[in-house]
Amino acid sequence: MRNKFKLLAVAAAAASTLGATSVQAQGVEFHGYLRTQVGTTSEGGNLQCFQGGWPIRAKYRLGNECDNYGEAMVVAPFGKADGAWAKYSLMVALQERGAQDYESTATNVDFTNERSSQAFQLASRQNFVQAGGFFGDQGAFSDAKIWIGKRYYNRHDIHINDYYYWNNSGPGAGIEDIAAGPMKLAFAYHQNGGNGSVQDQTGNNNGSALDDVVAKRYSARFYDINVNPNGKLEGELVFLKGSTASETATTGSGTMLFLQHTQGGLLGGFNKLAFVYGNKLGSGFEWLPTYPGATEGDEGKNAWRIHDQFYFDLAGTNVSGLATVSYGKLKTNGGGSNTWTSFGIRPQYNFNDNFSLAAEVGYDTGKTDSGATPKLAKLTLAPQLALAKGFWARPVFRAFVTYAKWNDDAGTQANGVFGDKRNGMTYGLQVESWW
């Protein structure tokens, strides 16, 4: 052990002698997110969740989350405050089944049923370096920042659904915060796959890196545009292109457009109205453009969506909350279409600074080109304890009871614990936090 300490001391001295850049420890940041819960159903067993069948994409998350999930992020700064600077960001995600006290990343094997499952998962979510201060303190690039690596990029979600209607994340590089008159500009390149992953865009194994198809994305953002009092406009245009070294593997292309207007100063809150359009590789209802999921055979495919969410905090009433409505339509190659409609609200009443009652109502329906019309309605009541007053106060400790009702086309709900019933209830306790 003594020799190990000596080796560490020698390495540290060598780094100092060579003039290696050191991390400014005083500015290290720690961020994260956590949700974890326990519960059961009215039929017994473990906690289960309700989710409508295709093309329903929402879940109205209050009292309807079953995964124990956390993210931890460290940001380490380099450089000087009055010159060029850089920040290294690393985020890992933790997801567990919550089945027992000891859960490892080793594969659990059920020899009786001849199946295996990953009990505890550790995943890389962000791993990038961002830097600035290279272009002087005057001109369009004075505040510009460059970045390379894997990162969350221009993500927009409806919080009460945990639904990301725009998400252009993953490995890539770019430059952002370029001043251009009344707006700011950003340009980015992203890609998924490659590096011998031997998977095409549909996830099929090709068996050779030669046939690997890489989904490449070229993005231009325009944002921070003042269009009316307390109102801002932003958008992003993405071109998607499959790339391969193979002469036989198929590739495709596509485009996506995102536009959003944010209005502040409304009943103590804000309203966000977003429009999303995509064709070919960009057609779909979620996790786009991060995960394009089409091939060159989808020339006739296109999709569009409208999402609106309104956060309110009524002065003098102790009432706050968020309401949302979504509508989407996806056109298939055969000329048919799939539609999805969703609306819901989560009001919250604070009895004092620490105790509140939240209620969430959500309704989803869809229609497929085959004629199926899945429907799912959900109601949750949740008394809550938090350190402060307000809808966004975290950490928050909740008890919840959830009732859901669905039709035959919504398929089997809650992993089949309710059998042939078309309604059910769940109960539980949850803590949610971000920092």
Protein backbone atom coordinates (compact mmCIF):
# COMPACT_ATOMS: atom_id res chain seq x y z
CA MET A 1 0.00 0.00 0.00
CA ARG A 2 2.88 2.37 0.85
CA ASN A 3 4.38 1.82 -2.63
CA LYS A 4 1.05 2.72 -4.25
CA PHE A 5 0.99 6.05 -2.42
CA LYS A 6 4.56 6.72 -3.57
CA LEU A 7 3.59 6.07 -7.20
CA LEU A 8 0.65 8.48 -6.91
CA ALA A 9 2.90 11.17 -5.46
CA VAL A 10 5.42 10.72 -8.32
CA ALA A 11 2.62 10.92 -10.92
CA ALA A 12 1.23 14.10 -9.38
CA ALA A 13 4.67 15.72 -9.31
CA ALA A 14 5.28 14.77 -12.95
CA ALA A 15 1.97 16.30 -14.02
CA SER A 16 2.84 19.51 -12.21
CA THR A 17 6.31 19.60 -13.80
CA LEU A 18 4.87 19.11 -17.29
CA GLY A 19 2.46 22.02 -16.75
CA ALA A 20 -0.71 19.93 -17.08
CA THR A 21 -3.89 22.00 -16.87
CA SER A 22 -5.60 21.44 -13.55
CA VAL A 23 -9.30 21.45 -12.75
CA GLN A 24 -10.54 24.51 -10.88
CA ALA A 25 -12.05 22.56 -8.00
CA GLN A 26 -13.81 25.59 -6.58
CA GLY A 27 -16.11 25.76 -9.60
CA VAL A 28 -17.04 22.06 -9.82
CA GLU A 29 -20.81 21.61 -10.22
CA PHE A 30 -22.99 18.65 -9.31
CA HIS A 31 -26.40 18.22 -10.93
CA GLY A 32 -28.88 15.40 -11.09
CA TYR A 33 -32.34 13.94 -11.14
CA LEU A 34 -33.99 11.14 -9.18
CA ARG A 35 -37.31 9.40 -8.96
CA THR A 36 -37.94 6.25 -6.99
CA GLN A 37 -41.11 4.65 -5.71
CA VAL A 38 -42.69 1.60 -4.13
CA GLY A 39 -46.27 0.42 -4.43
CA THR A 40 -48.80 -2.21 -5.40
CA THR A 41 -52.05 -2.70 -7.32
CA SER A 42 -55.62 -3.36 -6.20
CA GLU A 43 -55.00 -6.95 -7.34
CA GLY A 44 -51.84 -7.27 -5.24
CA GLY A 45 -48.28 -7.82 -6.42
CA ASN A 46 -45.77 -5.15 -7.35
CA LEU A 47 -46.49 -1.62 -8.60
CA GLN A 48 -47.55 -1.55 -12.26
CA CYS A 49 -48.16 1.26 -14.73
CA PHE A 50 -50.70 2.15 -17.41
CA GLN A 51 -49.68 3.03 -20.96
CA GLY A 52 -51.95 3.19 -23.99
CA GLY A 53 -51.16 1.16 -27.11
CA TRP A 54 -49.87 2.57 -30.39
CA PRO A 55 -50.14 5.38 -31.37
CA ILE A 56 -50.67 6.77 -27.81
CA ARG A 57 -47.35 8.18 -26.54
CA ALA A 58 -48.30 9.90 -23.24
CA LYS A 59 -48.49 8.43 -19.74
CA TYR A 60 -49.47 11.31 -17.37
CA ARG A 61 -46.70 10.43 -14.99
CA LEU A 62 -48.08 11.38 -11.55
CA GLY A 63 -48.69 8.04 -9.82
CA ASN A 64 -47.86 6.25 -13.05
CA GLU A 65 -44.09 5.68 -12.96
CA CYS A 66 -42.63 2.27 -12.21
CA ASP A 67 -38.93 2.67 -13.01
CA ASN A 68 -36.47 3.72 -10.33
CA TYR A 69 -34.30 6.15 -12.27
CA GLY A 70 -31.55 8.60 -11.44
CA GLU A 71 -29.04 10.82 -13.24
CA ALA A 72 -25.87 12.23 -11.71
CA MET A 73 -23.80 14.86 -13.51
CA VAL A 74 -20.45 16.44 -12.65
CA VAL A 75 -19.21 19.58 -14.45
CA ALA A 76 -15.50 20.39 -14.08
CA PRO A 77 -14.27 23.83 -15.28
CA PHE A 78 -10.86 24.65 -16.74
CA GLY A 79 -9.12 27.89 -17.71
CA LYS A 80 -9.30 31.45 -16.43
CA ALA A 81 -12.29 33.62 -15.67
CA ASP A 82 -11.01 36.43 -17.94
CA GLY A 83 -9.94 34.36 -20.94
CA ALA A 84 -10.58 31.12 -22.77
CA TRP A 85 -12.38 28.55 -20.70
CA ALA A 86 -13.70 25.00 -20.94
CA LYS A 87 -16.06 22.72 -19.03
CA TYR A 88 -16.10 18.94 -18.98
CA SER A 89 -19.54 17.41 -18.32
CA LEU A 90 -20.13 13.78 -17.41
CA MET A 91 -23.54 12.29 -16.68
CA VAL A 92 -24.33 8.70 -15.82
CA ALA A 93 -27.80 7.22 -15.38
CA LEU A 94 -28.82 4.57 -12.88
CA GLN A 95 -31.88 2.37 -13.37
CA GLU A 96 -32.88 -0.44 -11.06
CA ARG A 97 -35.77 -2.87 -10.84
CA GLY A 98 -36.30 -2.19 -7.15
CA ALA A 99 -36.78 -5.90 -6.49
CA GLN A 100 -34.37 -6.43 -3.60
CA ASP A 101 -31.68 -4.79 -1.49
CA TYR A 102 -28.74 -5.98 -3.62
CA GLU A 103 -28.93 -5.43 -7.36
CA SER A 104 -25.79 -5.68 -9.48
CA THR A 105 -25.01 -5.08 -13.14
CA ALA A 106 -24.48 -8.81 -13.58
CA THR A 107 -27.07 -10.66 -15.61
CA ASN A 108 -29.66 -12.52 -13.52
CA VAL A 109 -30.61 -15.87 -14.98
CA ASP A 110 -33.94 -17.59 -14.31
CA PHE A 111 -33.11 -21.20 -15.10
CA THR A 112 -36.71 -22.37 -14.52
CA ASN A 113 -38.11 -20.14 -17.28
CA GLU A 114 -34.88 -20.01 -19.30
CA ARG A 115 -34.65 -16.25 -19.38
CA SER A 116 -32.31 -13.56 -18.14
CA SER A 117 -32.64 -9.92 -17.26
CA GLN A 118 -30.41 -7.03 -16.33
CA ALA A 119 -31.16 -6.24 -12.69
CA PHE A 120 -29.31 -2.92 -12.40
CA GLN A 121 -28.33 -0.77 -15.36
CA LEU A 122 -25.61 1.85 -15.54
CA ALA A 123 -25.66 4.03 -18.65
CA SER A 124 -23.67 6.91 -20.12
CA ARG A 125 -25.94 9.88 -20.96
CA GLN A 126 -23.60 12.85 -21.39
CA ASN A 127 -19.85 13.02 -21.91
CA PHE A 128 -18.69 16.21 -23.61
CA VAL A 129 -16.48 19.27 -23.39
CA GLN A 130 -17.75 22.80 -24.03
CA ALA A 131 -15.49 25.83 -24.39
CA GLY A 132 -15.60 29.56 -25.11
CA GLY A 133 -13.70 32.82 -24.92
CA PHE A 134 -11.75 32.18 -28.13
CA PHE A 135 -13.20 34.93 -30.29
CA GLY A 136 -12.69 38.12 -28.28
CA ASP A 137 -15.26 40.23 -26.48
CA GLN A 138 -16.68 42.01 -29.54
CA GLY A 139 -18.67 40.84 -32.54
CA ALA A 140 -21.04 38.02 -33.40
CA PHE A 141 -18.86 35.31 -31.85
CA SER A 142 -18.05 37.05 -28.55
CA ASP A 143 -20.35 34.70 -26.60
CA ALA A 144 -20.03 31.71 -28.94
CA LYS A 145 -19.31 28.29 -27.46
CA ILE A 146 -17.98 25.18 -29.15
CA TRP A 147 -18.57 21.64 -27.97
CA ILE A 148 -17.66 18.05 -28.87
CA GLY A 149 -18.96 14.84 -27.34
CA LYS A 150 -22.25 13.26 -26.32
CA ARG A 151 -24.76 15.65 -24.77
CA TYR A 152 -28.40 16.55 -24.24
CA TYR A 153 -29.08 19.03 -27.03
CA ASN A 154 -32.13 21.25 -27.43
CA ARG A 155 -34.49 18.96 -25.51
CA HIS A 156 -38.10 20.05 -24.97
CA ASP A 157 -40.62 18.07 -22.94
CA ILE A 158 -44.10 18.17 -21.44
CA HIS A 159 -43.27 17.63 -17.79
CA ILE A 160 -46.47 15.96 -16.60
CA ASN A 161 -46.09 13.38 -19.40
CA ASP A 162 -42.31 12.99 -19.32
CA TYR A 163 -42.75 13.25 -23.08
CA TYR A 164 -39.98 14.78 -25.22
CA TYR A 165 -41.59 16.24 -28.29
CA TRP A 166 -38.20 17.48 -29.52
CA ASN A 167 -34.87 15.91 -28.63
CA ASN A 168 -31.73 16.17 -30.77
CA SER A 169 -29.26 14.55 -28.39
CA GLY A 170 -26.35 12.15 -28.71
CA PRO A 171 -22.74 12.11 -29.97
CA GLY A 172 -21.80 15.15 -32.01
CA ALA A 173 -20.16 18.56 -32.19
CA GLY A 174 -21.24 22.11 -32.74
CA ILE A 175 -21.10 25.83 -32.07
CA GLU A 176 -23.83 27.86 -30.38
CA ASP A 177 -24.79 31.34 -29.12
CA ILE A 178 -23.71 33.16 -32.28
CA ALA A 179 -25.25 36.64 -32.32
CA ALA A 180 -27.09 37.37 -35.55
CA GLY A 181 -29.06 40.60 -35.24
CA PRO A 182 -32.37 39.90 -33.48
CA MET A 183 -31.57 36.22 -32.89
CA LYS A 184 -28.94 33.71 -31.89
CA LEU A 185 -27.74 30.86 -34.10
CA ALA A 186 -26.31 27.41 -33.46
CA PHE A 187 -25.06 24.69 -35.78
CA ALA A 188 -24.51 21.06 -34.85
CA TYR A 189 -23.68 17.65 -36.25
CA HIS A 190 -24.85 14.43 -34.58
CA GLN A 191 -24.63 10.75 -35.40
CA ASN A 192 -25.94 7.47 -34.01
CA GLY A 193 -24.39 4.07 -34.65
CA GLY A 194 -21.08 3.41 -36.31
CA ASN A 195 -17.81 2.35 -34.70
CA GLY A 196 -18.47 -1.28 -35.55
CA SER A 197 -21.88 -1.42 -33.91
CA VAL A 198 -22.97 -3.52 -36.91
CA GLN A 199 -26.58 -2.38 -36.71
CA ASP A 200 -28.69 -0.80 -39.38
CA GLN A 201 -31.24 1.94 -38.68
CA THR A 202 -33.88 -0.58 -37.62
CA GLY A 203 -31.57 -2.22 -35.07
CA ASN A 204 -30.92 -5.37 -37.11
CA ASN A 205 -27.56 -7.06 -36.85
CA ASN A 206 -25.69 -6.92 -40.14
CA GLY A 207 -22.75 -8.88 -38.80
CA SER A 208 -20.14 -6.58 -40.33
CA ALA A 209 -19.00 -3.01 -39.78
CA LEU A 210 -18.87 -2.70 -43.56
CA ASP A 211 -22.67 -2.87 -43.67
CA ASP A 212 -23.20 -0.65 -40.64
CA VAL A 213 -25.60 2.22 -41.37
CA VAL A 214 -24.91 5.44 -39.44
CA ALA A 215 -27.72 7.96 -38.97
CA LYS A 216 -26.17 11.42 -39.43
CA ARG A 217 -27.94 14.67 -38.53
CA TYR A 218 -27.10 18.23 -39.60
CA SER A 219 -28.80 20.91 -37.54
CA ALA A 220 -29.33 24.68 -37.69
CA ARG A 221 -31.00 26.41 -34.72
CA PHE A 222 -32.39 29.94 -34.43
CA TYR A 223 -33.57 31.13 -31.04
CA ASP A 224 -34.01 33.93 -28.51
CA ILE A 225 -36.10 35.89 -31.00
CA ASN A 226 -38.34 38.53 -29.41
CA VAL A 227 -41.57 38.51 -31.43
CA ASN A 228 -43.99 40.18 -28.98
CA PRO A 229 -43.97 41.45 -25.37
CA ASN A 230 -42.80 38.55 -23.16
CA GLY A 231 -42.91 36.28 -26.20
CA LYS A 232 -40.01 34.46 -27.86
CA LEU A 233 -39.70 32.27 -30.95
CA GLU A 234 -37.21 29.49 -31.53
CA GLY A 235 -36.72 26.72 -34.04
CA GLU A 236 -34.46 24.04 -35.43
CA LEU A 237 -34.11 22.54 -38.90
CA VAL A 238 -32.50 19.12 -39.18
CA PHE A 239 -31.42 17.16 -42.24
CA LEU A 240 -31.05 13.41 -41.64
CA LYS A 241 -28.97 11.09 -43.84
CA GLY A 242 -28.00 7.46 -43.60
CA SER A 243 -24.36 6.67 -44.32
CA THR A 244 -22.62 3.35 -44.95
CA ALA A 245 -19.42 1.97 -46.47
CA SER A 246 -21.39 -0.86 -48.02
CA GLU A 247 -22.44 -0.99 -51.66
CA THR A 248 -25.55 -3.02 -50.85
CA ALA A 249 -26.88 -1.75 -47.50
CA THR A 250 -29.84 0.61 -47.84
CA THR A 251 -29.81 4.18 -46.56
CA GLY A 252 -32.38 6.94 -46.43
CA SER A 253 -32.77 10.62 -45.78
CA GLY A 254 -35.27 12.99 -44.25
CA THR A 255 -35.90 16.38 -42.74
CA MET A 256 -37.39 17.71 -39.53
CA LEU A 257 -38.60 21.14 -38.48
CA PHE A 258 -39.26 22.35 -34.94
CA LEU A 259 -40.90 25.70 -34.12
CA GLN A 260 -41.89 26.93 -30.66
CA HIS A 261 -43.38 30.11 -29.24
CA THR A 262 -42.98 30.74 -25.52
CA GLN A 263 -45.22 33.35 -23.89
CA GLY A 264 -44.42 34.59 -20.41
CA GLY A 265 -46.45 36.67 -17.99
CA LEU A 266 -49.65 34.59 -18.20
CA LEU A 267 -51.38 34.03 -14.85
CA GLY A 268 -48.02 33.90 -13.13
CA GLY A 269 -46.66 31.31 -15.55
CA PHE A 270 -46.02 30.66 -19.23
CA ASN A 271 -47.41 28.98 -22.32
CA LYS A 272 -45.42 26.96 -24.85
CA LEU A 273 -46.89 26.20 -28.27
CA ALA A 274 -44.79 23.88 -30.44
CA PHE A 275 -45.08 22.52 -33.98
CA VAL A 276 -43.06 19.55 -35.22
CA TYR A 277 -42.88 18.20 -38.76
CA GLY A 278 -40.82 15.36 -40.19
CA ASN A 279 -40.64 13.25 -43.31
CA LYS A 280 -38.94 9.97 -44.24
CA LEU A 281 -36.26 9.38 -41.58
CA GLY A 282 -37.77 12.19 -39.52
CA SER A 283 -41.30 10.79 -39.39
CA GLY A 284 -42.57 9.65 -36.01
CA PHE A 285 -44.09 10.78 -32.71
CA GLU A 286 -41.22 10.72 -30.19
CA TRP A 287 -37.46 10.53 -29.52
CA LEU A 288 -36.77 12.41 -32.72
CA PRO A 289 -34.51 13.43 -34.28
CA THR A 290 -32.25 11.54 -31.84
CA TYR A 291 -33.46 8.12 -33.04
CA PRO A 292 -34.50 8.22 -36.71
CA GLY A 293 -36.27 4.99 -37.50
CA ALA A 294 -36.94 4.68 -41.24
CA THR A 295 -35.20 3.47 -44.41
CA GLU A 296 -35.19 4.49 -48.04
CA GLY A 297 -38.47 2.64 -48.55
CA ASP A 298 -40.35 5.30 -46.61
CA GLU A 299 -40.51 8.08 -49.20
CA GLY A 300 -44.23 8.58 -48.60
CA LYS A 301 -43.93 8.77 -44.85
CA ASN A 302 -44.40 12.04 -42.98
CA ALA A 303 -45.69 13.19 -39.59
CA TRP A 304 -46.68 16.39 -37.86
CA ARG A 305 -47.59 17.26 -34.29
CA ILE A 306 -48.85 20.23 -32.27
CA HIS A 307 -48.15 20.44 -28.54
CA ASP A 308 -49.31 23.10 -26.12
CA GLN A 309 -48.59 23.36 -22.41
CA PHE A 310 -49.66 26.05 -19.99
CA TYR A 311 -48.10 26.50 -16.55
CA PHE A 312 -50.06 28.71 -14.14
CA ASP A 313 -49.40 30.03 -10.62
CA LEU A 314 -52.42 32.01 -9.51
CA ALA A 315 -51.37 34.82 -7.18
CA GLY A 316 -53.06 34.83 -3.77
CA THR A 317 -54.75 31.43 -4.26
CA ASN A 318 -52.05 28.83 -3.47
CA VAL A 319 -53.09 27.16 -6.73
CA SER A 320 -50.57 26.24 -9.42
CA GLY A 321 -50.37 23.59 -12.09
CA LEU A 322 -49.78 22.60 -15.67
CA ALA A 323 -52.25 21.77 -18.45
CA THR A 324 -51.42 20.29 -21.85
CA VAL A 325 -52.95 19.19 -25.13
CA SER A 326 -51.34 17.34 -28.06
CA TYR A 327 -52.40 16.20 -31.50
CA GLY A 328 -50.32 14.25 -33.98
CA LYS A 329 -50.76 12.57 -37.35
CA LEU A 330 -48.45 10.14 -39.13
CA LYS A 331 -48.98 9.22 -42.77
CA THR A 332 -47.89 5.71 -43.77
CA ASN A 333 -46.43 4.54 -47.06
CA GLY A 334 -49.68 2.88 -48.05
CA GLY A 335 -51.61 6.12 -47.82
CA GLY A 336 -53.12 5.38 -44.41
CA SER A 337 -52.58 7.39 -41.27
CA ASN A 338 -52.20 7.11 -37.49
CA THR A 339 -53.48 9.85 -35.20
CA TRP A 340 -52.94 10.58 -31.51
CA THR A 341 -54.88 13.00 -29.30
CA SER A 342 -53.99 13.75 -25.69
CA PHE A 343 -55.07 16.26 -23.07
CA GLY A 344 -54.64 16.53 -19.32
CA ILE A 345 -54.05 18.77 -16.32
CA ARG A 346 -52.25 18.60 -12.98
CA PRO A 347 -53.47 21.28 -10.54
CA GLN A 348 -51.85 21.60 -7.12
CA TYR A 349 -53.11 23.33 -3.98
CA ASN A 350 -50.67 24.30 -1.21
CA PHE A 351 -52.15 24.27 2.28
CA ASN A 352 -48.90 25.79 3.57
CA ASP A 353 -45.26 26.04 2.51
CA ASN A 354 -44.65 22.31 2.90
CA PHE A 355 -47.92 20.43 2.39
CA SER A 356 -49.90 20.27 -0.85
CA LEU A 357 -52.41 18.13 -2.70
CA ALA A 358 -51.93 17.40 -6.40
CA ALA A 359 -54.46 15.84 -8.75
CA GLU A 360 -53.81 14.73 -12.30
CA VAL A 361 -56.31 13.84 -15.01
CA GLY A 362 -55.20 12.58 -18.41
CA TYR A 363 -56.97 11.21 -21.45
CA ASP A 364 -55.41 9.70 -24.56
CA THR A 365 -56.89 8.25 -27.70
CA GLY A 366 -55.51 7.16 -31.02
CA LYS A 367 -56.53 5.72 -34.35
CA THR A 368 -54.42 3.44 -36.50
CA ASP A 369 -54.58 2.80 -40.22
CA SER A 370 -55.95 -0.65 -39.39
CA GLY A 371 -58.96 0.90 -37.64
CA ALA A 372 -57.96 0.30 -34.00
CA THR A 373 -58.94 3.13 -31.61
CA PRO A 374 -57.10 2.71 -28.28
CA LYS A 375 -58.37 4.86 -25.38
CA LEU A 376 -56.94 5.36 -21.90
CA ALA A 377 -58.11 7.67 -19.08
CA LYS A 378 -56.22 8.13 -15.82
CA LEU A 379 -56.86 9.95 -12.52
CA THR A 380 -54.34 10.37 -9.68
CA LEU A 381 -54.61 11.99 -6.25
CA ALA A 382 -51.36 12.68 -4.41
CA PRO A 383 -50.79 14.41 -1.04
CA GLN A 384 -47.26 15.85 -1.04
CA LEU A 385 -44.54 17.14 1.29
CA ALA A 386 -41.85 19.50 -0.01
CA LEU A 387 -39.27 21.94 1.35
CA ALA A 388 -40.98 24.92 -0.25
CA LYS A 389 -44.26 26.03 -1.82
CA GLY A 390 -45.00 25.70 -5.50
CA PHE A 391 -45.51 23.34 -8.42
CA TRP A 392 -41.78 23.00 -9.17
CA ALA A 393 -40.56 22.60 -5.59
CA ARG A 394 -38.22 19.61 -5.25
CA PRO A 395 -37.51 17.27 -3.57
CA VAL A 396 -41.14 16.24 -3.16
CA PHE A 397 -42.43 13.24 -1.21
CA ARG A 398 -45.75 11.82 -2.41
CA ALA A 399 -48.34 9.24 -1.55
CA PHE A 400 -50.57 8.44 -4.52
CA VAL A 401 -53.59 6.48 -5.62
CA THR A 402 -54.20 6.06 -9.35
CA TYR A 403 -57.29 4.85 -11.19
CA ALA A 404 -57.23 4.04 -14.90
CA LYS A 405 -59.80 2.91 -17.43
CA TRP A 406 -59.19 1.69 -20.97
CA ASN A 407 -60.82 -0.07 -23.91
CA ASP A 408 -60.03 -3.31 -25.72
CA ASP A 409 -57.89 -1.63 -28.37
CA ALA A 410 -55.58 -0.23 -25.69
CA GLY A 411 -54.33 -3.77 -25.19
CA THR A 412 -53.13 -5.45 -22.03
CA GLN A 413 -52.47 -2.91 -19.29
CA ALA A 414 -50.27 -3.09 -16.18
CA ASN A 415 -48.47 -6.18 -17.50
CA GLY A 416 -51.68 -8.19 -17.36
CA VAL A 417 -52.30 -8.08 -13.60
CA PHE A 418 -55.91 -6.98 -14.14
CA GLY A 419 -56.68 -9.83 -16.51
CA ASP A 420 -59.74 -9.17 -18.69
CA LYS A 421 -60.77 -6.11 -16.67
CA ARG A 422 -60.75 -2.73 -18.35
CA ASN A 423 -60.02 -0.68 -15.24
CA GLY A 424 -57.70 -0.87 -12.27
CA MET A 425 -56.08 0.95 -9.36
CA THR A 426 -52.54 1.31 -8.05
CA TYR A 427 -51.14 2.78 -4.82
CA GLY A 428 -47.71 3.86 -3.74
CA LEU A 429 -45.13 6.28 -2.38
CA GLN A 430 -42.65 8.27 -4.46
CA VAL A 431 -39.88 10.79 -4.04
CA GLU A 432 -38.80 12.98 -6.95
CA SER A 433 -35.95 15.47 -6.96
CA TRP A 434 -33.68 17.49 -9.20
CA TRP A 435 -30.78 19.79 -8.41
